[in-house]
Amino acid sequence: MKKILGVLLLVLVIASGCTKSSGTLTCKSNITSDNSTYKIKMESKVTYKNKIVERVTTTEEITTTTVEQATSFKELLDNAYAKYNEVTGFTNVIEQKDKKIISKTTIDYKNIATEKLISIDESNKNLIKDGKVSIEDMKKNLEENGATCK
């Protein structure tokens, strides 16, 4: 009888999944252009509670071979993030230091208007369901975009 209960307990643990319900997920990626003129290093820290994402902080570091190329990347990022400037709970700061760009974005999913995110970019509805983002969906999204998550 104890043996059967032990097996049932093991099956229950496996069936319930191994993902923690709360914590921080860290995802990283590195991209180098084919001709090695730039490198992009990205790190996202995803804080979640009860398997629901509360905050994502992403740092992108772009290193180029010329100041002009770095300036072009900065302009590209400025334009990409400009449409989110008025969204409460979304912050982005982009700095250029010679041939390097550092972009830091924070999304506070506890206080952000998720419907506004969807209106800005329809693809956000693949991630946002009923006004929330699950840690499983966030991890899948980041991994599909080349990140390794731990």
Protein backbone atom coordinates (compact mmCIF):
# COMPACT_ATOMS: atom_id res chain seq x y z
CA MET A 1 0.00 0.00 0.00
CA LYS A 2 2.82 2.43 0.88
CA LYS A 3 4.46 1.59 -2.44
CA ILE A 4 1.27 2.45 -4.36
CA LEU A 5 0.86 5.73 -2.43
CA GLY A 6 4.50 6.59 -3.17
CA VAL A 7 3.99 5.99 -6.89
CA LEU A 8 0.76 8.04 -6.87
CA LEU A 9 2.55 10.89 -5.08
CA LEU A 10 5.36 10.81 -7.66
CA VAL A 11 2.82 10.88 -10.52
CA LEU A 12 1.02 13.82 -8.87
CA VAL A 13 4.28 15.79 -8.55
CA ILE A 14 5.20 15.10 -12.18
CA ALA A 15 1.69 15.94 -13.43
CA SER A 16 1.57 19.22 -11.54
CA GLY A 17 4.71 20.40 -13.32
CA CYS A 18 8.03 21.57 -12.04
CA THR A 19 7.60 25.31 -12.69
CA LYS A 20 7.72 27.35 -9.50
CA SER A 21 4.63 29.46 -8.99
CA SER A 22 6.66 32.55 -7.97
CA GLY A 23 10.18 33.78 -8.60
CA THR A 24 12.43 35.38 -11.20
CA LEU A 25 13.18 33.99 -14.64
CA THR A 26 16.34 35.25 -16.37
CA CYS A 27 16.62 34.99 -20.15
CA LYS A 28 19.65 35.93 -22.23
CA SER A 29 20.58 36.08 -25.89
CA ASN A 30 23.57 37.13 -27.95
CA ILE A 31 23.46 38.05 -31.63
CA THR A 32 26.41 38.88 -33.86
CA SER A 33 25.87 40.17 -37.39
CA ASP A 34 27.11 38.02 -40.27
CA ASN A 35 29.91 40.49 -41.00
CA SER A 36 30.62 41.13 -37.30
CA THR A 37 29.82 44.84 -37.52
CA TYR A 38 27.57 44.70 -34.46
CA LYS A 39 26.74 42.54 -31.47
CA ILE A 40 23.53 42.58 -29.45
CA LYS A 41 23.47 41.23 -25.91
CA MET A 42 20.05 41.01 -24.28
CA GLU A 43 19.01 40.06 -20.77
CA SER A 44 15.44 39.96 -19.46
CA LYS A 45 14.54 39.46 -15.82
CA VAL A 46 10.94 38.37 -15.42
CA THR A 47 9.40 38.55 -11.95
CA TYR A 48 6.27 36.50 -11.46
CA LYS A 49 3.85 35.48 -8.72
CA ASN A 50 1.31 32.65 -8.88
CA LYS A 51 2.64 31.99 -12.43
CA ILE A 52 1.55 35.51 -13.55
CA VAL A 53 4.18 37.98 -14.77
CA GLU A 54 4.40 41.11 -12.63
CA ARG A 55 7.44 42.89 -14.09
CA VAL A 56 9.89 42.48 -16.96
CA THR A 57 13.16 44.39 -17.05
CA THR A 58 15.14 44.04 -20.27
CA THR A 59 18.60 45.42 -20.94
CA GLU A 60 19.85 45.45 -24.52
CA GLU A 61 23.48 46.28 -25.16
CA ILE A 62 24.42 46.93 -28.78
CA THR A 63 28.08 47.24 -29.67
CA THR A 64 28.98 48.47 -33.16
CA THR A 65 32.15 49.12 -35.11
CA THR A 66 31.35 52.78 -35.84
CA VAL A 67 29.72 55.70 -34.04
CA GLU A 68 27.50 56.26 -37.09
CA GLN A 69 26.15 52.73 -36.89
CA ALA A 70 25.50 53.14 -33.16
CA THR A 71 23.63 56.37 -33.87
CA SER A 72 21.49 54.55 -36.44
CA PHE A 73 20.65 51.83 -33.91
CA LYS A 74 19.74 54.48 -31.34
CA GLU A 75 17.40 56.21 -33.79
CA LEU A 76 15.82 52.87 -34.66
CA LEU A 77 15.21 52.06 -30.98
CA ASP A 78 13.97 55.59 -30.22
CA ASN A 79 11.37 55.25 -33.00
CA ALA A 80 10.37 51.71 -31.98
CA TYR A 81 9.77 52.64 -28.33
CA ALA A 82 8.27 56.13 -28.95
CA LYS A 83 4.75 54.76 -29.34
CA TYR A 84 4.94 53.35 -25.78
CA ASN A 85 6.05 56.62 -24.12
CA GLU A 86 2.55 57.53 -22.95
CA VAL A 87 1.76 54.08 -21.52
CA THR A 88 1.71 54.08 -17.72
CA GLY A 89 3.82 51.20 -16.40
CA PHE A 90 6.19 51.21 -19.40
CA THR A 91 9.58 52.91 -19.22
CA ASN A 92 12.49 52.89 -21.64
CA VAL A 93 15.81 54.69 -21.41
CA ILE A 94 18.30 54.59 -24.28
CA GLU A 95 21.86 55.87 -23.94
CA GLN A 96 24.63 56.07 -26.51
CA LYS A 97 28.27 55.99 -25.48
CA ASP A 98 30.42 56.19 -28.60
CA LYS A 99 29.95 52.84 -30.41
CA LYS A 100 27.68 51.32 -27.75
CA ILE A 101 23.94 51.63 -27.13
CA ILE A 102 22.33 50.57 -23.87
CA SER A 103 18.54 50.33 -23.79
CA LYS A 104 16.74 49.49 -20.55
CA THR A 105 13.02 48.75 -20.66
CA THR A 106 10.75 48.00 -17.72
CA ILE A 107 7.18 46.81 -18.08
CA ASP A 108 5.14 46.73 -14.87
CA TYR A 109 2.37 44.29 -15.78
CA LYS A 110 0.64 44.86 -12.43
CA ASN A 111 -0.05 48.51 -13.34
CA ILE A 112 -0.02 48.65 -17.12
CA ALA A 113 -3.04 49.02 -19.38
CA THR A 114 -2.65 45.79 -21.31
CA GLU A 115 -5.39 46.80 -23.78
CA LYS A 116 -3.24 49.83 -24.66
CA LEU A 117 -0.29 47.52 -25.40
CA ILE A 118 -2.51 45.48 -27.69
CA SER A 119 -3.81 48.60 -29.46
CA ILE A 120 -0.20 49.68 -30.13
CA ASP A 121 0.87 46.26 -31.39
CA GLU A 122 -1.69 43.54 -32.16
CA SER A 123 0.93 40.81 -31.65
CA ASN A 124 0.80 41.58 -27.91
CA LYS A 125 -2.52 39.72 -27.73
CA ASN A 126 -0.59 36.49 -28.31
CA LEU A 127 1.06 37.11 -24.95
CA ILE A 128 -1.66 38.95 -23.00
CA LYS A 129 -4.71 36.89 -22.09
CA ASP A 130 -7.50 38.33 -19.95
CA GLY A 131 -5.25 41.27 -19.08
CA LYS A 132 -2.47 39.03 -17.75
CA VAL A 133 0.69 37.32 -18.97
CA SER A 134 1.55 33.83 -17.77
CA ILE A 135 5.17 32.96 -17.03
CA GLU A 136 4.89 29.98 -19.40
CA ASP A 137 3.78 32.23 -22.29
CA MET A 138 6.50 34.81 -21.51
CA LYS A 139 9.21 32.14 -21.40
CA LYS A 140 7.97 30.59 -24.65
CA ASN A 141 7.94 34.02 -26.34
CA LEU A 142 11.47 34.87 -25.22
CA GLU A 143 12.82 31.45 -26.24
CA GLU A 144 11.12 31.69 -29.66
CA ASN A 145 13.03 34.95 -30.11
CA GLY A 146 16.38 33.30 -29.45
CA ALA A 147 16.80 33.65 -25.68
CA THR A 148 17.96 30.95 -23.30
CA CYS A 149 16.00 31.02 -20.04
CA LYS A 150 16.90 29.79 -16.57
